[in-house]
Amino acid sequence: MFFSNKLKVGVLCPASATYPNLSLDYMNGLMCGLPENLHQEFEFLPEFVNQGETNRVNSALRKLYGFNGVDLVTGPISYNTLPDYADVVEASGKLAIFTDLGEYLPALNMVSPYVFNNSFQYWQAQFAMGFWAQQQFGDRGAVVMALYESGYHMHSAFRHGTEFGGSEVVDYVVIPKEIEGERAFADYTEQLQNHFIQNERPSYINLLFSGKDAVRSLKAFAANPYFDGIPILVSPHMSSPEILQLLTGENVVVYSANLWDFDSAEKENAIFRKKYIQRTGNMANVFSLLGYEVGLAIACIYPSLRSKSYAEARKFLAEERIKSPRGERSFFLDSKYASPQIDIEKINLAGLSVQRVIVAQGKAMPYNCDVYRQIHEECVTGWKNPYLCV
């Protein structure tokens, strides 16, 4: 039997129509995070998990830990499913470093000392955007979202941000599932116009859509004269380069909360950008970044993994932070958990140009704030897939 002395890392690979190269981007980022001299020390075992259904992920974890004998598992999962996997990870006696976009808030209590997370924290961006919008534009904003987005915590985080800023009312609109195509979105904005005329014109609107619907909604709102002068606020996904490039030729002005800038000249980001472009020839996206940060973490615990001192590796991840392209990051939710740096941006699309201007610094939600529990209690959902893995 062939014996390899390489450390084994299992990689969960979900499918995504919005990011069809998600797993490749994640792995490229991870390899950039590992020093070159460690590349030959690892063997990576990808495991397809479809859209991240609980049974598929559990089967993958059992196979990776039990049959393949991996030292750790990484990859995108949903916070909402962490309790479903903790027993499998703990039974292995090893560890897992999962990633997520931050569509859900972290669990109220520690899930497992064997499970670590690297989150992009969309919910923090939404909270910061809500707080800023209330301060900037006044009360009575609105959230307009797809049914898909309504099943996550992002809209609740936004509303609680407005309440921190003094809001007393936020209008919620969930568009019907059957609204598809640009013509349908244009027609629906006319219905929304009537809805707001009958009630009250919103002081701002937070749009929450993904993929093609993100593009269609932005085009529809920009084309309807009623919404001229109403500030449009969008999620980090909707303001990502991947979405904005699909709006070439449109004239759109939106606001967003930015958690990371690929073009930033900050030292850690410049290092990442150079490595990633050299490796792939492409811009990195959010999944590339999450993979890179996991690679940095794996490099830090490499000596512990090599000596099979898994408890020592877990201790490092529970107590230490790493320096990443978006500031300090930690992987274990406790009172020392690193809060993100948030820039509130005004984004102006005019023809072929995209201009991003930082207009304020965002306010992150304090750790262990009462809002955590309120959001968990008011937004109970069965959505199990990682965000955008559809």
Protein backbone atom coordinates (compact mmCIF):
# COMPACT_ATOMS: atom_id res chain seq x y z
CA MET A 1 0.00 0.00 0.00
CA PHE A 2 1.29 3.47 -0.90
CA PHE A 3 1.96 5.60 2.15
CA SER A 4 2.09 9.38 2.01
CA ASN A 5 3.55 11.54 4.72
CA LYS A 6 1.60 14.55 3.47
CA LEU A 7 -0.95 16.25 5.67
CA LYS A 8 -4.45 15.84 4.32
CA VAL A 9 -7.01 18.64 4.06
CA GLY A 10 -10.58 17.90 3.01
CA VAL A 11 -12.26 20.68 1.02
CA LEU A 12 -16.06 20.93 0.80
CA CYS A 13 -17.05 22.07 -2.70
CA PRO A 14 -20.60 23.41 -3.09
CA ALA A 15 -22.19 24.35 -6.40
CA SER A 16 -23.09 27.96 -7.24
CA ALA A 17 -24.70 29.31 -10.39
CA THR A 18 -23.67 32.83 -9.36
CA TYR A 19 -20.05 31.81 -8.73
CA PRO A 20 -19.51 28.75 -10.96
CA ASN A 21 -15.78 28.72 -10.14
CA LEU A 22 -16.36 29.04 -6.40
CA SER A 23 -14.31 26.00 -5.37
CA LEU A 24 -11.46 26.80 -7.75
CA ASP A 25 -11.37 30.40 -6.49
CA TYR A 26 -11.38 29.15 -2.90
CA MET A 27 -8.51 26.74 -3.54
CA ASN A 28 -6.46 29.33 -5.41
CA GLY A 29 -6.86 31.68 -2.46
CA LEU A 30 -5.94 28.95 0.00
CA MET A 31 -2.78 28.07 -1.93
CA CYS A 32 -1.79 31.74 -1.99
CA GLY A 33 -2.15 31.82 1.80
CA LEU A 34 0.19 28.85 2.24
CA PRO A 35 3.89 29.64 1.85
CA GLU A 36 5.36 28.03 -1.27
CA ASN A 37 7.64 25.78 0.77
CA LEU A 38 4.57 24.18 2.37
CA HIS A 39 2.68 23.39 -0.84
CA GLN A 40 4.26 19.96 -1.15
CA GLU A 41 3.49 19.20 2.49
CA PHE A 42 -0.26 18.99 1.88
CA GLU A 43 -2.65 16.84 -0.07
CA PHE A 44 -6.06 18.40 -0.74
CA LEU A 45 -9.10 16.19 -1.14
CA PRO A 46 -12.09 17.98 -2.72
CA GLU A 47 -15.55 16.66 -1.91
CA PHE A 48 -18.59 17.87 -3.87
CA VAL A 49 -21.54 18.70 -1.59
CA ASN A 50 -24.06 19.96 -4.17
CA GLN A 51 -25.81 23.01 -2.66
CA GLY A 52 -24.59 22.34 0.86
CA GLU A 53 -27.53 20.23 2.04
CA THR A 54 -27.04 18.90 5.55
CA ASN A 55 -27.06 15.24 4.54
CA ARG A 56 -24.52 15.83 1.74
CA VAL A 57 -22.15 17.72 4.03
CA ASN A 58 -22.47 15.16 6.83
CA SER A 59 -21.72 12.33 4.41
CA ALA A 60 -18.72 14.24 3.08
CA LEU A 61 -17.38 14.89 6.58
CA ARG A 62 -17.71 11.25 7.60
CA LYS A 63 -15.92 10.14 4.44
CA LEU A 64 -13.13 12.70 4.76
CA TYR A 65 -12.42 12.09 8.46
CA GLY A 66 -13.22 8.38 8.60
CA PHE A 67 -12.10 6.97 5.25
CA ASN A 68 -9.60 9.51 3.93
CA GLY A 69 -8.11 10.28 7.35
CA VAL A 70 -7.82 14.03 6.78
CA ASP A 71 -6.22 16.24 9.40
CA LEU A 72 -8.79 18.99 8.97
CA VAL A 73 -11.72 20.00 6.77
CA THR A 74 -12.43 23.42 5.30
CA GLY A 75 -14.87 24.98 2.87
CA PRO A 76 -18.08 27.05 2.74
CA ILE A 77 -21.00 26.02 4.93
CA SER A 78 -23.94 27.81 6.55
CA TYR A 79 -23.85 28.94 10.20
CA ASN A 80 -27.37 27.58 10.41
CA THR A 81 -26.09 24.03 9.98
CA LEU A 82 -23.06 24.08 12.28
CA PRO A 83 -24.81 22.16 15.11
CA ASP A 84 -25.55 19.39 12.59
CA TYR A 85 -21.83 18.84 11.94
CA ALA A 86 -20.22 19.39 15.31
CA ASP A 87 -20.56 15.77 16.47
CA VAL A 88 -18.84 14.44 13.35
CA VAL A 89 -15.91 16.86 13.73
CA GLU A 90 -15.57 16.18 17.45
CA ALA A 91 -15.65 12.40 16.93
CA SER A 92 -12.64 12.74 14.64
CA GLY A 93 -10.62 14.37 17.43
CA LYS A 94 -9.29 16.83 14.85
CA LEU A 95 -10.76 20.17 13.67
CA ALA A 96 -12.59 22.07 10.94
CA ILE A 97 -12.22 25.63 9.65
CA PHE A 98 -15.44 26.50 7.85
CA THR A 99 -16.16 29.69 5.93
CA ASP A 100 -19.31 31.65 5.17
CA LEU A 101 -20.36 34.97 3.66
CA GLY A 102 -22.12 36.10 6.83
CA GLU A 103 -25.70 35.64 5.66
CA TYR A 104 -26.47 34.43 9.19
CA LEU A 105 -25.30 35.79 12.50
CA PRO A 106 -23.07 33.45 14.51
CA ALA A 107 -24.77 31.09 16.96
CA LEU A 108 -25.67 32.56 20.33
CA ASN A 109 -23.49 30.03 22.12
CA MET A 110 -20.31 28.18 21.22
CA VAL A 111 -21.15 25.28 18.93
CA SER A 112 -17.98 23.24 19.45
CA PRO A 113 -14.35 23.80 20.50
CA TYR A 114 -13.41 21.69 17.46
CA VAL A 115 -15.14 23.95 14.92
CA PHE A 116 -13.74 27.29 13.74
CA ASN A 117 -15.19 29.85 11.36
CA ASN A 118 -13.95 32.47 8.95
CA SER A 119 -16.87 34.72 8.07
CA PHE A 120 -17.08 37.58 5.60
CA GLN A 121 -19.77 39.05 7.90
CA TYR A 122 -22.38 40.39 5.48
CA TRP A 123 -24.62 40.90 8.51
CA GLN A 124 -22.12 43.39 9.94
CA ALA A 125 -22.16 45.34 6.67
CA GLN A 126 -25.95 45.40 6.71
CA PHE A 127 -26.07 46.57 10.33
CA ALA A 128 -23.58 49.35 9.58
CA MET A 129 -25.49 50.39 6.47
CA GLY A 130 -28.78 50.56 8.38
CA PHE A 131 -27.28 52.66 11.16
CA TRP A 132 -25.66 55.06 8.69
CA ALA A 133 -28.74 55.37 6.48
CA GLN A 134 -30.93 56.28 9.43
CA GLN A 135 -28.46 58.95 10.54
CA GLN A 136 -28.02 60.27 7.02
CA PHE A 137 -31.49 60.13 5.44
CA GLY A 138 -33.97 60.04 8.31
CA ASP A 139 -36.68 57.64 9.39
CA ARG A 140 -39.00 55.37 7.45
CA GLY A 141 -36.74 53.47 5.13
CA ALA A 142 -37.70 50.30 3.28
CA VAL A 143 -36.16 46.91 2.59
CA VAL A 144 -37.10 45.32 -0.74
CA MET A 145 -35.87 41.78 -1.13
CA ALA A 146 -36.27 38.47 -2.90
CA LEU A 147 -37.88 35.51 -1.16
CA TYR A 148 -34.45 33.86 -1.08
CA GLU A 149 -32.84 36.76 0.81
CA SER A 150 -35.76 36.93 3.24
CA GLY A 151 -34.65 33.59 4.67
CA TYR A 152 -31.34 34.94 5.99
CA HIS A 153 -30.39 37.43 8.70
CA MET A 154 -29.22 40.28 6.47
CA HIS A 155 -32.50 42.19 6.42
CA SER A 156 -32.90 41.89 10.20
CA ALA A 157 -29.36 43.14 10.77
CA PHE A 158 -30.11 46.15 8.57
CA ARG A 159 -33.34 46.96 10.44
CA HIS A 160 -31.64 46.69 13.82
CA GLY A 161 -28.94 49.00 12.54
CA THR A 162 -31.61 51.59 11.72
CA GLU A 163 -33.09 51.13 15.20
CA PHE A 164 -29.67 51.76 16.76
CA GLY A 165 -29.76 55.00 14.78
CA GLY A 166 -33.17 55.94 16.18
CA SER A 167 -35.58 54.50 13.61
CA GLU A 168 -39.14 53.71 14.62
CA VAL A 169 -40.35 52.06 11.43
CA VAL A 170 -38.90 50.22 8.43
CA ASP A 171 -41.13 48.96 5.62
CA TYR A 172 -40.54 45.37 4.47
CA VAL A 173 -41.40 44.16 0.96
CA VAL A 174 -40.71 40.58 -0.21
CA ILE A 175 -41.26 40.26 -3.94
CA PRO A 176 -43.15 37.21 -5.25
CA LYS A 177 -41.05 34.25 -6.36
CA GLU A 178 -42.59 34.28 -9.84
CA ILE A 179 -41.14 37.71 -10.67
CA GLU A 180 -38.49 36.82 -13.25
CA GLY A 181 -36.90 38.64 -16.16
CA GLU A 182 -36.21 42.33 -16.73
CA ARG A 183 -39.74 43.14 -17.93
CA ALA A 184 -41.26 41.52 -14.84
CA PHE A 185 -38.95 43.50 -12.55
CA ALA A 186 -39.81 46.73 -14.36
CA ASP A 187 -43.52 46.01 -13.97
CA TYR A 188 -43.09 45.18 -10.32
CA THR A 189 -41.33 48.46 -9.55
CA GLU A 190 -44.51 50.17 -10.77
CA GLN A 191 -46.47 48.13 -8.24
CA LEU A 192 -43.99 49.17 -5.57
CA GLN A 193 -44.43 52.76 -6.63
CA ASN A 194 -48.18 52.45 -5.98
CA HIS A 195 -47.49 50.73 -2.66
CA PHE A 196 -45.31 53.61 -1.48
CA ILE A 197 -47.71 56.26 -2.81
CA GLN A 198 -50.55 54.67 -0.82
CA ASN A 199 -48.40 54.47 2.31
CA GLU A 200 -45.44 56.83 2.49
CA ARG A 201 -42.49 57.59 0.24
CA PRO A 202 -39.43 55.88 1.80
CA SER A 203 -36.45 57.98 2.82
CA TYR A 204 -34.15 55.22 1.49
CA ILE A 205 -34.43 51.68 0.11
CA ASN A 206 -32.22 48.71 0.91
CA LEU A 207 -32.25 46.20 -1.98
CA LEU A 208 -31.39 42.57 -1.26
CA PHE A 209 -31.09 40.38 -4.35
CA SER A 210 -28.49 38.02 -5.76
CA GLY A 211 -27.12 36.96 -9.12
CA LYS A 212 -29.21 37.90 -12.15
CA ASP A 213 -31.96 39.31 -9.93
CA ALA A 214 -29.46 41.75 -8.42
CA VAL A 215 -28.80 43.14 -11.89
CA ARG A 216 -32.47 43.17 -12.90
CA SER A 217 -33.58 44.96 -9.74
CA LEU A 218 -30.93 47.67 -10.05
CA LYS A 219 -31.85 48.28 -13.69
CA ALA A 220 -35.55 48.42 -12.87
CA PHE A 221 -35.19 50.90 -10.01
CA ALA A 222 -32.82 53.09 -12.02
CA ALA A 223 -35.30 53.22 -14.93
CA ASN A 224 -38.35 54.19 -12.84
CA PRO A 225 -38.54 58.01 -12.38
CA TYR A 226 -40.47 57.64 -9.11
CA PHE A 227 -37.34 56.38 -7.38
CA ASP A 228 -35.17 59.29 -8.53
CA GLY A 229 -33.88 61.02 -5.41
CA ILE A 230 -34.51 58.04 -3.12
CA PRO A 231 -31.12 56.69 -1.97
CA ILE A 232 -30.68 53.05 -2.97
CA LEU A 233 -28.59 50.93 -0.59
CA VAL A 234 -27.34 47.50 -1.61
CA SER A 235 -25.64 44.49 -0.04
CA PRO A 236 -21.91 43.78 -0.45
CA HIS A 237 -22.78 41.10 -3.00
CA MET A 238 -24.79 43.57 -5.10
CA SER A 239 -21.93 46.07 -5.05
CA SER A 240 -19.26 43.48 -5.88
CA PRO A 241 -17.28 43.84 -9.13
CA GLU A 242 -18.89 40.63 -10.39
CA ILE A 243 -22.34 42.27 -10.30
CA LEU A 244 -21.36 45.81 -11.23
CA GLN A 245 -19.62 44.65 -14.41
CA LEU A 246 -22.97 43.29 -15.59
CA LEU A 247 -24.39 46.83 -15.35
CA THR A 248 -21.99 48.30 -17.90
CA GLY A 249 -23.73 51.04 -19.85
CA GLU A 250 -26.25 51.77 -17.09
CA ASN A 251 -26.43 54.98 -15.06
CA VAL A 252 -26.86 53.86 -11.46
CA VAL A 253 -26.01 55.44 -8.11
CA VAL A 254 -26.07 53.26 -4.99
CA TYR A 255 -24.60 53.11 -1.49
CA SER A 256 -23.04 50.05 0.07
CA ALA A 257 -20.97 48.93 3.06
CA ASN A 258 -17.63 47.60 1.88
CA LEU A 259 -15.77 45.04 3.99
CA TRP A 260 -12.78 44.56 1.68
CA ASP A 261 -11.24 46.33 -1.30
CA PHE A 262 -9.18 44.22 -3.72
CA ASP A 263 -7.39 47.38 -4.90
CA SER A 264 -6.44 48.59 -1.43
CA ALA A 265 -2.78 49.57 -1.05
CA GLU A 266 -2.65 48.25 2.54
CA LYS A 267 0.37 45.97 2.99
CA GLU A 268 -1.43 42.69 3.64
CA ASN A 269 -3.83 43.24 0.77
CA ALA A 270 -1.04 44.22 -1.63
CA ILE A 271 0.73 40.95 -0.82
CA PHE A 272 -2.46 38.97 -1.45
CA ARG A 273 -3.25 40.81 -4.67
CA LYS A 274 0.22 40.22 -6.08
CA LYS A 275 0.22 36.51 -5.19
CA TYR A 276 -3.26 35.92 -6.55
CA ILE A 277 -2.70 37.69 -9.85
CA GLN A 278 0.61 35.86 -10.32
CA ARG A 279 -1.09 32.53 -9.68
CA THR A 280 -4.31 33.02 -11.65
CA GLY A 281 -4.03 36.16 -13.79
CA ASN A 282 -7.40 37.24 -12.41
CA MET A 283 -8.90 39.46 -9.72
CA ALA A 284 -9.71 37.71 -6.48
CA ASN A 285 -13.30 37.57 -5.23
CA VAL A 286 -14.75 37.07 -1.78
CA PHE A 287 -14.33 33.27 -1.92
CA SER A 288 -10.70 33.68 -2.95
CA LEU A 289 -10.20 35.93 0.08
CA LEU A 290 -11.85 33.51 2.50
CA GLY A 291 -9.66 30.71 1.16
CA TYR A 292 -6.55 32.87 1.48
CA GLU A 293 -7.29 33.62 5.13
CA VAL A 294 -7.79 29.91 5.82
CA GLY A 295 -4.45 29.26 4.11
CA LEU A 296 -2.79 31.79 6.41
CA ALA A 297 -4.34 30.04 9.42
CA ILE A 298 -3.25 26.58 8.24
CA ALA A 299 0.29 27.87 7.79
CA CYS A 300 0.27 29.07 11.42
CA ILE A 301 -0.86 25.68 12.77
CA TYR A 302 1.29 23.61 10.39
CA PRO A 303 3.82 22.55 13.08
CA SER A 304 0.96 21.34 15.30
CA LEU A 305 -0.68 19.47 12.43
CA ARG A 306 2.65 17.89 11.44
CA SER A 307 3.14 16.56 14.99
CA LYS A 308 -0.53 15.52 15.18
CA SER A 309 -0.99 17.88 18.13
CA TYR A 310 -4.56 18.77 17.20
CA ALA A 311 -5.34 20.20 20.63
CA GLU A 312 -2.45 22.63 20.18
CA ALA A 313 -3.78 23.63 16.74
CA ARG A 314 -7.24 24.21 18.19
CA LYS A 315 -5.77 26.30 21.03
CA PHE A 316 -4.04 28.59 18.52
CA LEU A 317 -7.20 29.10 16.47
CA ALA A 318 -9.24 29.75 19.62
CA GLU A 319 -6.90 32.39 21.03
CA GLU A 320 -4.91 34.06 18.25
CA ARG A 321 -5.63 36.42 15.37
CA ILE A 322 -4.04 36.66 11.96
CA LYS A 323 -3.34 39.72 9.83
CA SER A 324 -5.32 39.52 6.60
CA PRO A 325 -6.15 41.80 3.64
CA ARG A 326 -9.19 43.03 5.58
CA GLY A 327 -7.50 43.63 8.91
CA GLU A 328 -7.17 41.30 11.88
CA ARG A 329 -9.22 38.13 11.71
CA SER A 330 -10.09 35.56 14.34
CA PHE A 331 -11.70 32.15 13.94
CA PHE A 332 -13.43 31.56 17.25
CA LEU A 333 -16.42 33.53 18.47
CA ASP A 334 -15.76 34.90 21.92
CA SER A 335 -15.31 38.32 23.50
CA LYS A 336 -12.05 38.77 21.55
CA TYR A 337 -13.66 38.18 18.16
CA ALA A 338 -12.33 40.71 15.66
CA SER A 339 -14.82 43.31 14.45
CA PRO A 340 -14.59 44.17 10.76
CA GLN A 341 -13.44 47.44 9.25
CA ILE A 342 -16.37 48.87 7.28
CA ASP A 343 -16.36 51.64 4.68
CA ILE A 344 -19.66 53.21 3.62
CA GLU A 345 -19.30 53.89 -0.10
CA LYS A 346 -21.17 55.87 -2.72
CA ILE A 347 -20.91 54.02 -6.04
CA ASN A 348 -21.58 55.87 -9.27
CA LEU A 349 -21.96 53.86 -12.48
CA ALA A 350 -21.94 56.02 -15.57
CA GLY A 351 -21.54 54.31 -18.90
CA LEU A 352 -18.33 52.31 -18.73
CA SER A 353 -16.96 53.86 -15.55
CA VAL A 354 -17.42 52.84 -11.92
CA GLN A 355 -16.52 55.42 -9.26
CA ARG A 356 -16.39 54.39 -5.60
CA VAL A 357 -16.06 57.11 -2.95
CA ILE A 358 -15.84 56.42 0.78
CA VAL A 359 -18.35 58.71 2.50
CA ALA A 360 -18.21 57.38 6.08
CA GLN A 361 -16.83 54.71 8.38
CA GLY A 362 -19.38 52.08 9.30
CA LYS A 363 -20.39 51.09 12.82
CA ALA A 364 -20.05 47.35 13.52
CA MET A 365 -22.49 45.58 15.81
CA PRO A 366 -20.94 45.10 19.27
CA TYR A 367 -20.18 41.50 20.22
CA ASN A 368 -22.78 39.86 22.49
CA CYS A 369 -25.18 42.71 21.86
CA ASP A 370 -28.84 42.01 22.75
CA VAL A 371 -29.51 42.33 19.03
CA TYR A 372 -27.88 38.93 18.47
CA ARG A 373 -30.61 37.14 20.38
CA GLN A 374 -33.40 39.29 18.96
CA ILE A 375 -32.41 38.54 15.38
CA HIS A 376 -32.12 34.81 16.04
CA GLU A 377 -35.54 34.77 17.68
CA GLU A 378 -37.36 36.87 15.09
CA CYS A 379 -35.87 35.29 11.96
CA VAL A 380 -36.29 31.53 12.22
CA THR A 381 -35.64 29.89 8.88
CA GLY A 382 -35.05 26.52 7.31
CA TRP A 383 -32.57 27.84 4.75
CA LYS A 384 -29.62 25.42 4.99
CA ASN A 385 -27.50 26.20 1.94
CA PRO A 386 -24.57 28.60 2.15
CA TYR A 387 -25.54 31.97 0.65
CA LEU A 388 -25.26 32.05 -3.17
CA CYS A 389 -24.82 28.26 -3.35
CA VAL A 390 -27.91 27.76 -5.51
